[in-house]
Protein backbone atom coordinates (compact mmCIF):
# COMPACT_ATOMS: atom_id res chain seq x y z
CA MET A 1 -25.36 -35.60 21.55
CA GLY A 2 -22.41 -38.00 21.44
CA ARG A 3 -21.64 -40.32 24.28
CA GLY A 4 -18.22 -40.53 25.88
CA PRO A 5 -16.32 -43.78 26.27
CA SER A 6 -17.99 -46.31 28.56
CA ILE A 7 -16.57 -47.23 31.94
CA GLU A 8 -15.78 -50.66 30.52
CA GLY A 9 -14.04 -49.07 27.54
CA ARG A 10 -11.91 -46.86 29.75
CA LYS A 11 -11.02 -49.83 31.96
CA ASN A 12 -10.01 -51.90 28.92
CA ALA A 13 -7.79 -49.04 27.70
CA GLU A 14 -6.19 -48.72 31.14
CA ASP A 15 -5.65 -52.48 31.33
CA ALA A 16 -3.99 -52.48 27.90
CA LYS A 17 -1.69 -49.62 28.91
CA ARG A 18 -0.81 -51.38 32.17
CA ALA A 19 -0.06 -54.60 30.31
CA LYS A 20 2.32 -52.75 27.96
CA VAL A 21 4.15 -51.20 30.92
CA PHE A 22 4.41 -54.62 32.55
CA THR A 23 5.81 -56.13 29.34
CA LYS A 24 8.62 -53.56 29.27
CA LEU A 25 9.39 -54.00 32.97
CA ILE A 26 9.46 -57.79 32.71
CA ARG A 27 11.99 -57.55 29.88
CA GLU A 28 14.10 -55.11 31.91
CA ILE A 29 14.10 -57.47 34.90
CA THR A 30 14.97 -60.43 32.67
CA VAL A 31 17.95 -58.67 31.07
CA ALA A 32 19.17 -57.27 34.41
CA THR A 33 19.10 -60.77 35.87
CA ARG A 34 20.94 -62.20 32.89
CA ALA A 35 23.63 -59.49 33.14
CA GLY A 36 24.37 -60.23 36.79
CA VAL A 37 22.96 -62.56 39.43
CA PRO A 38 19.30 -63.37 40.22
CA ASP A 39 19.52 -61.77 43.67
CA PRO A 40 18.40 -58.10 43.82
CA SER A 41 20.47 -57.53 46.97
CA LEU A 42 23.63 -58.45 45.03
CA ASN A 43 22.64 -56.99 41.65
CA PRO A 44 22.04 -53.19 41.76
CA ARG A 45 20.65 -53.09 38.24
CA LEU A 46 18.16 -55.83 39.05
CA ARG A 47 17.23 -54.13 42.32
CA SER A 48 16.48 -50.90 40.41
CA ALA A 49 14.34 -52.82 37.88
CA VAL A 50 12.44 -54.58 40.66
CA ASP A 51 11.84 -51.25 42.45
CA LYS A 52 10.37 -49.81 39.23
CA ALA A 53 8.13 -52.86 38.86
CA LEU A 54 6.89 -52.61 42.44
CA SER A 55 6.20 -48.89 41.93
CA ALA A 56 4.05 -49.87 38.95
CA ASN A 57 2.14 -52.31 41.22
CA MET A 58 3.43 -55.41 39.46
CA PRO A 59 2.57 -58.58 41.45
CA LYS A 60 5.54 -60.13 43.23
CA ASP A 61 4.97 -63.51 41.59
CA THR A 62 5.23 -61.85 38.16
CA ILE A 63 8.54 -60.29 39.22
CA GLU A 64 9.79 -63.65 40.49
CA ARG A 65 8.88 -65.34 37.18
CA ALA A 66 10.78 -62.65 35.26
CA ILE A 67 13.86 -63.19 37.43
CA LYS A 68 13.53 -66.95 36.92
CA ARG A 69 13.35 -66.45 33.17
CA GLY A 70 16.40 -64.19 33.22
CA SER A 71 18.39 -66.80 35.13
CA GLY A 72 17.54 -69.36 32.44
CA ALA A 73 15.68 -71.52 34.92
CA ASP A 74 12.58 -71.77 32.73
CA GLY A 75 14.39 -72.40 29.45
CA GLY A 76 12.80 -69.32 27.85
CA ALA A 77 14.25 -67.52 24.85
CA ALA A 78 17.27 -65.37 25.66
CA MET A 79 16.65 -61.62 25.79
CA GLU A 80 19.16 -59.23 24.23
CA GLU A 81 19.87 -55.62 25.06
CA LEU A 82 20.22 -53.50 21.94
CA ARG A 83 20.79 -49.81 21.27
CA TYR A 84 19.89 -47.95 18.10
CA GLU A 85 20.90 -44.40 17.20
CA GLY A 86 19.30 -42.08 14.73
CA TYR A 87 17.64 -38.77 13.98
CA GLY A 88 14.04 -37.67 14.23
CA PRO A 89 12.17 -34.74 12.67
CA GLY A 90 14.08 -31.46 12.88
CA GLY A 91 17.40 -33.30 13.18
CA ILE A 92 16.74 -34.30 16.79
CA ALA A 93 19.24 -36.93 18.00
CA LEU A 94 17.74 -40.15 19.35
CA ILE A 95 19.07 -43.09 21.34
CA ILE A 96 16.63 -46.01 21.42
CA ASP A 97 17.33 -48.73 23.97
CA CYS A 98 15.59 -52.07 23.51
CA PHE A 99 15.18 -55.48 25.15
CA THR A 100 14.27 -58.18 22.64
CA ASP A 101 14.26 -61.87 21.85
CA ASN A 102 14.02 -61.10 18.12
CA PRO A 103 16.51 -58.44 16.90
CA THR A 104 15.30 -58.74 13.30
CA ARG A 105 11.77 -57.76 14.32
CA THR A 106 12.99 -54.98 16.59
CA VAL A 107 15.21 -53.19 14.10
CA ALA A 108 12.44 -53.40 11.48
CA ASP A 109 9.91 -51.87 13.88
CA VAL A 110 12.29 -49.08 14.93
CA ARG A 111 13.32 -48.30 11.35
CA HIS A 112 9.69 -48.24 10.21
CA ALA A 113 8.70 -45.81 13.00
CA LEU A 114 11.59 -43.47 12.19
CA THR A 115 11.03 -43.51 8.44
CA LYS A 116 7.27 -42.97 8.76
CA HIS A 117 7.83 -39.84 10.86
CA GLY A 118 10.60 -38.24 8.81
CA GLY A 119 13.54 -39.67 10.73
CA ASN A 120 16.27 -42.14 9.92
CA LEU A 121 18.33 -44.85 11.58
CA GLY A 122 21.99 -44.00 12.01
CA THR A 123 25.12 -46.05 12.57
CA SER A 124 26.50 -46.97 15.98
CA GLY A 125 28.18 -43.92 17.51
CA SER A 126 26.50 -41.44 15.16
CA VAL A 127 24.74 -39.58 17.99
CA ALA A 128 25.99 -41.22 21.22
CA PHE A 129 28.81 -38.67 21.55
CA GLN A 130 26.12 -36.05 22.26
CA PHE A 131 24.98 -37.90 25.40
CA ALA A 132 26.41 -39.04 28.71
CA ARG A 133 25.27 -41.90 30.92
CA VAL A 134 24.07 -40.48 34.24
CA GLY A 135 21.74 -41.19 37.11
CA GLU A 136 18.61 -39.03 37.16
CA LEU A 137 15.88 -38.47 39.73
CA VAL A 138 12.98 -36.23 38.73
CA PHE A 139 10.85 -34.45 41.33
CA ALA A 140 7.64 -32.50 40.67
CA THR A 141 8.35 -29.13 42.31
CA GLY A 142 5.88 -27.05 40.26
CA GLY A 143 8.26 -24.09 40.05
CA ASP A 144 7.98 -23.54 43.80
CA GLU A 145 11.28 -22.02 44.97
CA ALA A 146 11.06 -23.55 48.45
CA ALA A 147 10.49 -27.02 47.00
CA GLU A 148 13.35 -26.56 44.53
CA GLU A 149 15.65 -25.40 47.32
CA LYS A 150 14.77 -28.46 49.42
CA VAL A 151 15.66 -30.78 46.54
CA LEU A 152 18.90 -28.86 45.84
CA GLU A 153 20.10 -28.98 49.45
CA ALA A 154 19.31 -32.68 49.86
CA ALA A 155 20.86 -33.54 46.48
CA LEU A 156 24.14 -31.74 47.11
CA GLU A 157 24.39 -33.25 50.58
CA ALA A 158 23.82 -36.70 49.04
CA GLY A 159 26.70 -36.22 46.59
CA ALA A 160 24.78 -35.37 43.41
CA ASP A 161 26.54 -33.45 40.65
CA ASP A 162 23.79 -31.05 39.59
CA VAL A 163 20.12 -30.10 39.88
CA VAL A 164 18.27 -28.77 36.83
CA ASN A 165 14.97 -26.89 37.29
CA GLU A 166 12.72 -26.73 34.22
CA ASN A 167 9.09 -27.26 33.27
CA GLY A 168 8.03 -27.44 36.92
CA GLU A 169 10.43 -30.29 37.64
CA SER A 170 13.72 -30.56 39.52
CA THR A 171 16.04 -33.15 38.00
CA VAL A 172 18.88 -34.40 40.18
CA VAL A 173 21.88 -35.60 38.15
CA CYS A 174 24.62 -37.85 39.49
CA ALA A 175 27.26 -40.33 38.35
CA PRO A 176 25.79 -43.78 37.60
CA GLU A 177 27.86 -45.40 40.33
CA HIS A 178 26.45 -42.95 42.90
CA PHE A 179 22.81 -43.31 41.83
CA GLU A 180 21.71 -45.80 44.44
CA ALA A 181 23.30 -43.88 47.34
CA VAL A 182 21.82 -40.58 46.13
CA GLN A 183 18.38 -42.15 45.69
CA GLN A 184 18.45 -43.60 49.21
CA ALA A 185 19.57 -40.29 50.71
CA LEU A 186 16.82 -38.32 48.95
CA THR A 187 14.18 -40.85 49.97
CA ALA A 188 15.42 -40.63 53.57
CA ALA A 189 15.02 -36.84 53.30
CA GLY A 190 11.32 -37.35 52.54
CA LEU A 191 11.61 -36.71 48.80
CA ASN A 192 9.86 -39.15 46.48
CA ALA A 193 10.93 -39.07 42.83
CA GLN A 194 8.30 -39.42 40.12
CA HIS A 195 10.98 -40.95 37.90
CA ALA A 196 14.39 -42.36 38.78
CA GLY A 197 16.95 -44.38 36.89
CA VAL A 198 20.23 -44.44 35.02
CA GLY A 199 20.04 -43.33 31.42
CA MET A 200 21.42 -41.18 28.64
CA ARG A 201 21.30 -37.39 29.12
CA PRO A 202 22.18 -34.98 26.26
CA SER A 203 25.04 -32.54 26.75
CA ASN A 204 22.86 -29.86 25.15
CA ARG A 205 19.19 -29.63 24.25
CA VAL A 206 18.21 -28.01 20.98
CA PRO A 207 14.97 -26.19 20.07
CA VAL A 208 12.58 -28.06 17.82
CA PRO A 209 11.44 -26.26 14.62
CA GLU A 210 7.71 -25.54 14.87
CA GLU A 211 6.86 -27.68 11.85
CA ALA A 212 8.77 -30.63 13.31
CA LEU A 213 7.26 -30.61 16.82
CA GLU A 214 4.09 -32.59 16.13
CA PRO A 215 5.85 -35.26 13.99
CA LEU A 216 8.53 -35.59 16.69
CA LEU A 217 5.99 -36.04 19.48
CA ASP A 218 4.14 -38.60 17.34
CA LEU A 219 7.42 -40.46 16.75
CA LEU A 220 8.32 -40.50 20.46
CA GLU A 221 4.85 -41.84 21.27
CA LYS A 222 5.15 -44.49 18.56
CA LEU A 223 8.57 -45.64 19.76
CA ASP A 224 7.41 -45.74 23.38
CA GLY A 225 4.49 -47.90 22.27
CA LEU A 226 6.76 -50.59 20.83
CA ASP A 227 7.01 -53.55 23.22
CA ASP A 228 10.73 -54.02 22.54
CA VAL A 229 11.65 -50.39 23.31
CA SER A 230 12.61 -49.82 26.94
CA GLU A 231 13.70 -46.17 26.78
CA VAL A 232 14.09 -43.36 24.27
CA SER A 233 16.56 -40.54 24.94
CA HIS A 234 16.62 -37.36 22.85
CA ASN A 235 18.20 -33.92 22.82
CA ALA A 236 15.04 -31.94 22.02
CA LEU A 237 14.15 -28.87 24.06
CA LEU A 238 10.41 -29.43 24.24
CA PRO A 239 7.87 -26.75 25.18
CA ALA A 240 6.57 -27.10 28.75
CA GLU A 241 3.11 -28.25 27.62
CA ALA A 242 4.62 -30.92 25.35
CA ALA A 243 7.13 -32.13 27.93
CA SER A 244 4.54 -32.58 30.67
């Protein structure tokens, strides 16, 4: 009879996953600092990045070092914010946002992941027209009508543009400039989002051909696993079990 993974093995895997999340968050904080000022109270983008880091239980001294690096106080290599566009299996449109100190490495890693999974890298603007930049807050409502109604009422009162219920989640959509106010209002209403941020949302989602679903999911996992990739947006309409 085979033995399952040891406690130590599971802990090492969890530590590795946590370290990867921290790497992405540190880069996000660094770039947000560089794009504005090193004070979260005066830099909304930095404040959002710091909130995400605190939610992931990142130590405050690690956050402070990332802000220091972003301000150039430690003389570290400059981080760049890059966006790649392309197509995945089944013709699914992809926008891949990255933070990197080595663009040559990053584009090679992204291109390799796409090519290996039946996708391809496109030119700037080739798929961006299919997306809009919006604020999103995702709440786990489990398909419960009362929970969905609570989110809807609070969201509309807070000035959100729309609420989309699918796959047991209620997604509140708002203009990027209203994101912070909407988030604060929903939190004050006792609603805690499982994901919140400003990103790219597709104007329409398209079904994924059955033969392309597994390669697409593998590609999304591969891209998410790249240290330089901060976020991947796509227009795939994924089955509930795959999207969860």
